[in-house]
Amino acid sequence: MDILQRITELRNERNWSKNYLAKMSDLPQSTVSNLYNRSHAPSISTLESICKGFGISLAQFFNINNEEDTILSEEQKQLLLEWEKLSREQKLAIFNLLKNM
């Protein structure tokens, strides 16, 4: 797996710039730029931060097209796709809304 390609795919799905990824991942912008400029894979700790920024786990990052683990309805898949596009603040707002329903 090309890790930078996977990061780019996840960024593109969310329409995130490299700068926004850095912000959401709590990483210096230079760290994200260096990954792309030098075309090398991030360290595990950097990748964990990036996954946290995307709101996914490392397992989810590497689990591409493996539908054997969990079978989701089309509605659940769509919900999760939209969820992944949200910022942390938006996710928190939705959690609070659901708790109060």
Protein backbone atom coordinates (compact mmCIF):
# COMPACT_ATOMS: atom_id res chain seq x y z
CA MET A 1 0.00 0.00 0.00
CA ASP A 2 1.20 3.49 -0.85
CA ILE A 3 0.59 5.38 2.38
CA LEU A 4 0.87 8.84 0.83
CA GLN A 5 -1.60 7.83 -1.87
CA ARG A 6 -4.03 6.62 0.82
CA ILE A 7 -3.65 9.91 2.74
CA THR A 8 -4.29 11.79 -0.48
CA GLU A 9 -7.41 9.71 -1.18
CA LEU A 10 -8.76 10.47 2.29
CA ARG A 11 -7.96 14.18 1.88
CA ASN A 12 -9.65 14.28 -1.52
CA GLU A 13 -12.78 12.54 -0.18
CA ARG A 14 -13.08 15.35 2.35
CA ASN A 15 -11.88 18.14 0.05
CA TRP A 16 -9.08 18.91 2.54
CA SER A 17 -5.92 20.78 1.68
CA LYS A 18 -2.57 19.72 3.09
CA ASN A 19 -2.75 22.68 5.44
CA TYR A 20 -6.18 21.66 6.71
CA LEU A 21 -4.96 18.11 7.25
CA ALA A 22 -2.09 19.48 9.33
CA LYS A 23 -4.53 21.56 11.38
CA MET A 24 -6.95 18.68 11.96
CA SER A 25 -4.07 16.33 12.83
CA ASP A 26 -2.42 18.77 15.25
CA LEU A 27 0.77 18.58 13.20
CA PRO A 28 3.01 21.37 11.95
CA GLN A 29 2.19 22.28 8.37
CA SER A 30 5.85 21.64 7.53
CA THR A 31 5.50 18.00 8.62
CA VAL A 32 2.69 17.34 6.16
CA SER A 33 4.44 19.28 3.39
CA ASN A 34 7.64 17.33 3.94
CA LEU A 35 5.79 14.02 3.57
CA TYR A 36 4.70 15.03 0.09
CA ASN A 37 7.83 16.92 -0.93
CA ARG A 38 10.13 14.09 0.05
CA SER A 39 7.68 11.36 -1.00
CA HIS A 40 8.26 9.18 2.02
CA ALA A 41 5.94 7.46 4.45
CA PRO A 42 5.23 9.13 7.80
CA SER A 43 6.42 7.74 11.11
CA ILE A 44 3.91 5.68 13.08
CA SER A 45 3.28 8.56 15.48
CA THR A 46 2.70 10.98 12.59
CA LEU A 47 0.38 8.50 10.88
CA GLU A 48 -1.54 8.06 14.14
CA SER A 49 -1.98 11.84 14.33
CA ILE A 50 -3.15 11.94 10.72
CA CYS A 51 -5.65 9.14 11.36
CA LYS A 52 -6.88 10.97 14.44
CA GLY A 53 -7.34 14.06 12.28
CA PHE A 54 -9.41 12.03 9.82
CA GLY A 55 -11.38 10.52 12.69
CA ILE A 56 -10.34 6.97 11.86
CA SER A 57 -8.16 4.33 13.49
CA LEU A 58 -4.94 2.92 12.04
CA ALA A 59 -6.85 -0.30 11.39
CA GLN A 60 -9.43 1.61 9.36
CA PHE A 61 -6.66 3.40 7.47
CA PHE A 62 -5.17 0.09 6.31
CA ASN A 63 -8.46 -1.80 5.90
CA ILE A 64 -9.21 -0.91 2.29
CA ASN A 65 -12.10 -2.74 0.59
CA ASN A 66 -12.18 -5.43 3.27
CA GLU A 67 -15.88 -5.87 3.87
CA GLU A 68 -15.57 -9.25 5.61
CA ASP A 69 -15.16 -7.72 9.08
CA THR A 70 -18.39 -5.74 9.15
CA ILE A 71 -21.41 -5.82 6.93
CA LEU A 72 -23.16 -2.47 6.73
CA SER A 73 -26.38 -1.52 5.03
CA GLU A 74 -26.20 1.04 2.23
CA GLU A 75 -27.72 3.60 4.57
CA GLN A 76 -25.04 2.92 7.22
CA LYS A 77 -22.28 3.17 4.62
CA GLN A 78 -23.60 6.53 3.41
CA LEU A 79 -23.88 7.79 6.98
CA LEU A 80 -20.26 6.82 7.71
CA LEU A 81 -19.02 8.39 4.48
CA GLU A 82 -20.68 11.66 5.43
CA TRP A 83 -19.45 11.36 9.04
CA GLU A 84 -15.83 11.11 7.89
CA LYS A 85 -16.15 14.47 6.14
CA LEU A 86 -17.10 16.30 9.35
CA SER A 87 -14.74 18.33 11.50
CA ARG A 88 -14.17 17.37 15.13
CA GLU A 89 -16.45 20.21 16.20
CA GLN A 90 -19.24 19.01 13.91
CA LYS A 91 -18.90 15.44 15.19
CA LEU A 92 -19.11 16.67 18.78
CA ALA A 93 -22.23 18.68 17.95
CA ILE A 94 -23.87 15.59 16.44
CA PHE A 95 -22.92 13.46 19.47
CA ASN A 96 -24.49 16.07 21.76
CA LEU A 97 -27.61 16.16 19.59
CA LEU A 98 -27.94 12.36 19.71
CA LYS A 99 -27.46 12.27 23.50
CA ASN A 100 -30.29 14.75 23.91
CA MET A 101 -32.76 12.93 21.65
